[in-house]
């Protein structure tokens, strides 16, 4: 499973961010539930077309993904979140591997 992705174009199921604008791309980052909850205000309306703002992912926010379009000012924060997402993915893989190994 991916822990981070870059998206450069709209898809039929995911066009909310308007990636059809020249030069616009979206960095997506999958986080642990608690970390996501620290960053995203429940019930708040987010402008998912805003550039350089940390947002809940317009489609996968429910799975604890955040995103940022064209991170410049937000890059240091996004870079730290990428480290956290990677560490989380490693832990999830190790836990799943242990469960598979424990099966008779």
N, C-alpha and C. Protein backbone atom coordinates (compact mmCIF):
# COMPACT_ATOMS: atom_id res chain seq x y z
N UNK A 1 0.84 -1.19 0.00
CA UNK A 1 0.00 0.00 0.00
C UNK A 1 0.87 1.25 0.00
N UNK A 2 0.47 2.25 -0.76
CA UNK A 2 1.25 3.49 -0.75
C UNK A 2 1.08 4.24 0.57
N UNK A 3 2.06 5.01 0.92
CA UNK A 3 1.99 5.86 2.10
C UNK A 3 2.05 7.33 1.70
N UNK A 4 2.41 7.57 0.44
CA UNK A 4 2.41 8.93 -0.12
C UNK A 4 2.32 8.80 -1.64
N UNK A 5 1.66 9.76 -2.26
CA UNK A 5 1.57 9.78 -3.71
C UNK A 5 1.62 11.22 -4.21
N UNK A 6 2.00 11.36 -5.47
CA UNK A 6 1.92 12.64 -6.18
C UNK A 6 0.92 12.47 -7.31
N UNK A 7 0.02 13.42 -7.45
CA UNK A 7 -0.98 13.36 -8.51
C UNK A 7 -0.86 14.64 -9.34
N UNK A 8 -0.83 14.46 -10.66
CA UNK A 8 -0.62 15.61 -11.54
C UNK A 8 -1.80 15.90 -12.45
N UNK A 9 -2.85 15.09 -12.38
CA UNK A 9 -4.01 15.31 -13.25
C UNK A 9 -5.29 14.83 -12.58
N UNK A 10 -6.39 15.38 -13.03
CA UNK A 10 -7.70 14.97 -12.53
C UNK A 10 -8.05 13.58 -13.06
N UNK A 11 -8.78 12.84 -12.28
CA UNK A 11 -9.38 11.57 -12.69
C UNK A 11 -10.88 11.74 -12.61
N UNK A 12 -11.63 10.89 -13.29
CA UNK A 12 -13.09 11.02 -13.21
C UNK A 12 -13.64 10.92 -11.79
N UNK A 13 -12.99 10.17 -10.92
CA UNK A 13 -13.47 10.00 -9.55
C UNK A 13 -12.82 10.99 -8.58
N UNK A 14 -11.87 11.77 -9.06
CA UNK A 14 -11.13 12.67 -8.17
C UNK A 14 -10.72 13.92 -8.94
N UNK A 15 -11.64 14.88 -9.02
CA UNK A 15 -11.33 16.12 -9.73
C UNK A 15 -11.54 17.35 -8.84
N UNK A 16 -11.78 17.12 -7.56
CA UNK A 16 -12.11 18.22 -6.63
C UNK A 16 -11.00 19.26 -6.52
N UNK A 17 -9.75 18.82 -6.62
CA UNK A 17 -8.62 19.75 -6.43
C UNK A 17 -8.31 20.58 -7.67
N UNK A 18 -9.00 20.30 -8.78
CA UNK A 18 -8.78 21.03 -10.04
C UNK A 18 -7.31 20.99 -10.46
N UNK A 19 -6.81 19.79 -10.58
CA UNK A 19 -5.42 19.62 -11.01
C UNK A 19 -5.24 19.89 -12.48
N UNK A 20 -6.31 20.28 -13.17
CA UNK A 20 -6.23 20.64 -14.58
C UNK A 20 -5.61 22.03 -14.78
N UNK A 21 -5.37 22.75 -13.69
CA UNK A 21 -4.73 24.07 -13.79
C UNK A 21 -3.24 23.89 -14.10
N UNK A 22 -2.68 24.79 -14.89
CA UNK A 22 -1.27 24.70 -15.28
C UNK A 22 -0.35 24.62 -14.06
N UNK A 23 0.50 23.60 -14.04
CA UNK A 23 1.52 23.48 -13.01
C UNK A 23 1.03 23.01 -11.65
N UNK A 24 -0.24 22.67 -11.50
CA UNK A 24 -0.77 22.29 -10.20
C UNK A 24 -0.64 20.77 -10.01
N UNK A 25 -0.10 20.38 -8.86
CA UNK A 25 0.00 18.97 -8.50
C UNK A 25 -0.38 18.83 -7.03
N UNK A 26 -0.66 17.60 -6.62
CA UNK A 26 -1.07 17.37 -5.24
C UNK A 26 -0.20 16.28 -4.62
N UNK A 27 0.34 16.60 -3.45
CA UNK A 27 1.07 15.63 -2.63
C UNK A 27 0.08 15.06 -1.63
N UNK A 28 -0.07 13.73 -1.62
CA UNK A 28 -0.99 13.03 -0.71
C UNK A 28 -0.17 12.23 0.29
N UNK A 29 -0.58 12.26 1.57
CA UNK A 29 0.18 11.60 2.63
C UNK A 29 -0.78 10.86 3.55
N UNK A 30 -0.55 9.56 3.72
CA UNK A 30 -1.37 8.73 4.61
C UNK A 30 -0.80 8.73 6.02
N UNK A 31 -1.61 9.05 6.99
CA UNK A 31 -1.14 9.22 8.37
C UNK A 31 -1.89 8.29 9.34
N UNK A 32 -1.31 8.08 10.52
CA UNK A 32 -2.07 7.39 11.57
C UNK A 32 -3.29 8.24 11.96
N UNK A 33 -4.32 7.57 12.41
CA UNK A 33 -5.58 8.23 12.77
C UNK A 33 -5.37 9.39 13.75
N UNK A 34 -4.61 9.18 14.81
CA UNK A 34 -4.43 10.23 15.82
C UNK A 34 -3.71 11.45 15.24
N UNK A 35 -2.71 11.22 14.40
CA UNK A 35 -1.98 12.34 13.81
C UNK A 35 -2.88 13.12 12.85
N UNK A 36 -3.67 12.40 12.07
CA UNK A 36 -4.63 13.04 11.18
C UNK A 36 -5.58 13.93 11.98
N UNK A 37 -6.08 13.40 13.11
CA UNK A 37 -7.02 14.14 13.95
C UNK A 37 -6.39 15.41 14.53
N UNK A 38 -5.08 15.41 14.75
CA UNK A 38 -4.39 16.60 15.24
C UNK A 38 -4.34 17.70 14.18
N UNK A 39 -4.35 17.30 12.92
CA UNK A 39 -4.16 18.26 11.83
C UNK A 39 -5.44 18.76 11.18
N UNK A 40 -6.51 17.98 11.28
CA UNK A 40 -7.74 18.29 10.56
C UNK A 40 -8.86 18.56 11.54
N UNK A 41 -9.53 19.68 11.36
CA UNK A 41 -10.65 20.04 12.22
C UNK A 41 -11.92 19.36 11.72
N UNK A 42 -12.55 18.54 12.56
CA UNK A 42 -13.79 17.87 12.11
C UNK A 42 -14.89 18.88 11.82
N UNK A 43 -15.59 18.64 10.73
CA UNK A 43 -16.71 19.51 10.37
C UNK A 43 -16.33 20.80 9.66
N UNK A 44 -15.05 21.12 9.61
CA UNK A 44 -14.62 22.35 8.95
C UNK A 44 -14.71 22.17 7.44
N UNK A 45 -15.16 23.20 6.75
CA UNK A 45 -15.20 23.19 5.28
C UNK A 45 -13.83 23.66 4.78
N UNK A 46 -13.17 22.82 3.99
CA UNK A 46 -11.86 23.14 3.43
C UNK A 46 -12.00 23.45 1.94
N UNK A 47 -11.25 24.42 1.47
CA UNK A 47 -11.18 24.70 0.04
C UNK A 47 -10.11 23.79 -0.55
N UNK A 48 -10.53 22.68 -1.14
CA UNK A 48 -9.58 21.67 -1.62
C UNK A 48 -8.90 22.08 -2.92
N UNK A 49 -9.16 23.32 -3.38
CA UNK A 49 -8.44 23.85 -4.54
C UNK A 49 -7.34 24.82 -4.13
N UNK A 50 -7.24 25.11 -2.84
CA UNK A 50 -6.27 26.10 -2.34
C UNK A 50 -4.85 25.56 -2.48
N UNK A 51 -3.96 26.42 -2.95
CA UNK A 51 -2.56 26.05 -3.10
C UNK A 51 -1.80 26.25 -1.79
N UNK A 52 -0.86 25.35 -1.55
CA UNK A 52 0.09 25.47 -0.44
C UNK A 52 -0.58 25.53 0.94
N UNK A 53 -1.65 24.73 1.11
CA UNK A 53 -2.38 24.64 2.37
C UNK A 53 -2.56 23.16 2.70
N UNK A 54 -2.25 22.77 3.91
CA UNK A 54 -2.46 21.38 4.33
C UNK A 54 -3.96 21.15 4.51
N UNK A 55 -4.49 20.11 3.85
CA UNK A 55 -5.92 19.83 3.82
C UNK A 55 -6.18 18.34 4.01
N UNK A 56 -7.39 17.98 4.43
CA UNK A 56 -7.76 16.57 4.34
C UNK A 56 -7.91 16.21 2.86
N UNK A 57 -7.51 15.02 2.49
CA UNK A 57 -7.63 14.60 1.09
C UNK A 57 -9.11 14.64 0.70
N UNK A 58 -9.44 15.17 -0.50
CA UNK A 58 -10.85 15.31 -0.86
C UNK A 58 -11.59 13.98 -1.04
N UNK A 59 -10.88 12.89 -1.32
CA UNK A 59 -11.52 11.59 -1.48
C UNK A 59 -11.16 10.65 -0.33
N UNK A 60 -9.89 10.65 0.07
CA UNK A 60 -9.40 9.69 1.05
C UNK A 60 -9.17 10.26 2.45
N UNK A 61 -9.77 11.40 2.74
CA UNK A 61 -9.68 11.96 4.09
C UNK A 61 -10.22 11.00 5.14
N UNK A 62 -11.26 10.25 4.78
CA UNK A 62 -11.84 9.28 5.70
C UNK A 62 -10.90 8.14 6.05
N UNK A 63 -9.87 7.95 5.22
CA UNK A 63 -8.84 6.94 5.50
C UNK A 63 -7.59 7.59 6.08
N UNK A 64 -7.72 8.82 6.57
CA UNK A 64 -6.68 9.56 7.27
C UNK A 64 -5.54 10.04 6.37
N UNK A 65 -5.91 10.45 5.17
CA UNK A 65 -4.93 11.02 4.25
C UNK A 65 -5.09 12.54 4.25
N UNK A 66 -3.96 13.23 4.22
CA UNK A 66 -3.94 14.68 4.05
C UNK A 66 -3.30 14.97 2.70
N UNK A 67 -3.41 16.21 2.27
CA UNK A 67 -2.79 16.58 1.00
C UNK A 67 -2.41 18.06 1.03
N UNK A 68 -1.58 18.42 0.08
CA UNK A 68 -1.24 19.82 -0.12
C UNK A 68 -0.97 20.00 -1.61
N UNK A 69 -1.54 21.05 -2.19
CA UNK A 69 -1.32 21.37 -3.59
C UNK A 69 -0.13 22.31 -3.68
N UNK A 70 0.85 21.93 -4.49
CA UNK A 70 2.04 22.75 -4.72
C UNK A 70 2.68 23.25 -3.42
N UNK A 71 3.16 22.34 -2.59
CA UNK A 71 3.76 22.78 -1.32
C UNK A 71 5.04 23.59 -1.52
N UNK A 72 5.03 24.79 -1.05
CA UNK A 72 6.22 25.65 -1.05
C UNK A 72 6.45 26.08 0.39
N UNK A 73 5.60 26.98 0.87
CA UNK A 73 5.66 27.42 2.26
C UNK A 73 5.45 26.24 3.21
N UNK A 74 4.57 25.32 2.81
CA UNK A 74 4.23 24.18 3.67
C UNK A 74 5.20 23.00 3.52
N UNK A 75 6.21 23.13 2.65
CA UNK A 75 7.09 22.00 2.40
C UNK A 75 7.77 21.46 3.66
N UNK A 76 8.33 22.30 4.54
CA UNK A 76 8.96 21.73 5.74
C UNK A 76 7.98 20.88 6.56
N UNK A 77 6.77 21.35 6.70
CA UNK A 77 5.77 20.57 7.45
C UNK A 77 5.41 19.29 6.70
N UNK A 78 5.19 19.41 5.39
CA UNK A 78 4.86 18.24 4.58
C UNK A 78 6.00 17.23 4.62
N UNK A 79 7.22 17.70 4.59
CA UNK A 79 8.39 16.80 4.64
C UNK A 79 8.39 16.02 5.95
N UNK A 80 8.10 16.67 7.04
CA UNK A 80 8.00 15.99 8.33
C UNK A 80 6.87 14.96 8.34
N UNK A 81 5.75 15.31 7.72
CA UNK A 81 4.63 14.37 7.64
C UNK A 81 4.98 13.16 6.77
N UNK A 82 5.77 13.39 5.74
CA UNK A 82 6.23 12.26 4.92
C UNK A 82 7.06 11.29 5.76
N UNK A 83 7.93 11.82 6.60
CA UNK A 83 8.71 10.95 7.50
C UNK A 83 7.79 10.15 8.42
N UNK A 84 6.78 10.82 8.99
CA UNK A 84 5.84 10.14 9.87
C UNK A 84 5.05 9.07 9.12
N UNK A 85 4.62 9.39 7.90
CA UNK A 85 3.86 8.43 7.10
C UNK A 85 4.71 7.21 6.75
N UNK A 86 5.97 7.44 6.43
CA UNK A 86 6.86 6.32 6.11
C UNK A 86 7.04 5.43 7.33
N UNK A 87 7.31 6.02 8.48
CA UNK A 87 7.48 5.24 9.71
C UNK A 87 6.22 4.45 10.03
N UNK A 88 5.05 5.05 9.82
CA UNK A 88 3.78 4.37 10.05
C UNK A 88 3.62 3.19 9.09
N UNK A 89 3.97 3.39 7.83
CA UNK A 89 3.87 2.31 6.84
C UNK A 89 4.80 1.16 7.19
N UNK A 90 5.99 1.46 7.66
CA UNK A 90 6.94 0.41 8.06
C UNK A 90 6.36 -0.38 9.23
N UNK A 91 5.80 0.31 10.22
CA UNK A 91 5.19 -0.38 11.38
C UNK A 91 4.02 -1.26 10.95
N UNK A 92 3.16 -0.74 10.07
CA UNK A 92 2.02 -1.53 9.60
C UNK A 92 2.49 -2.79 8.87
N UNK A 93 3.51 -2.65 8.03
CA UNK A 93 4.02 -3.80 7.30
C UNK A 93 4.61 -4.82 8.27
N UNK A 94 5.39 -4.35 9.23
CA UNK A 94 6.00 -5.26 10.21
C UNK A 94 4.93 -5.98 11.02
N UNK A 95 3.89 -5.27 11.44
CA UNK A 95 2.80 -5.90 12.19
C UNK A 95 2.09 -6.96 11.35
N UNK A 96 1.80 -6.64 10.10
CA UNK A 96 1.14 -7.61 9.21
C UNK A 96 2.05 -8.81 8.97
N UNK A 97 3.33 -8.57 8.82
CA UNK A 97 4.28 -9.66 8.61
C UNK A 97 4.34 -10.58 9.82
N UNK A 98 4.33 -10.00 11.02
CA UNK A 98 4.33 -10.80 12.24
C UNK A 98 3.06 -11.65 12.34
N UNK A 99 1.91 -11.06 11.99
CA UNK A 99 0.66 -11.81 12.02
C UNK A 99 0.68 -12.95 11.01
N UNK A 100 1.22 -12.70 9.83
CA UNK A 100 1.31 -13.78 8.83
C UNK A 100 2.24 -14.88 9.31
N UNK A 101 3.33 -14.51 9.91
CA UNK A 101 4.30 -15.50 10.39
C UNK A 101 3.78 -16.30 11.55
N UNK A 102 2.86 -15.74 12.34
CA UNK A 102 2.34 -16.42 13.52
C UNK A 102 1.26 -17.45 13.17
N UNK A 103 0.77 -17.41 11.95
CA UNK A 103 -0.25 -18.37 11.54
C UNK A 103 0.35 -19.78 11.44
N UNK A 104 -0.41 -20.79 11.88
CA UNK A 104 0.12 -22.17 11.78
C UNK A 104 0.20 -22.67 10.36
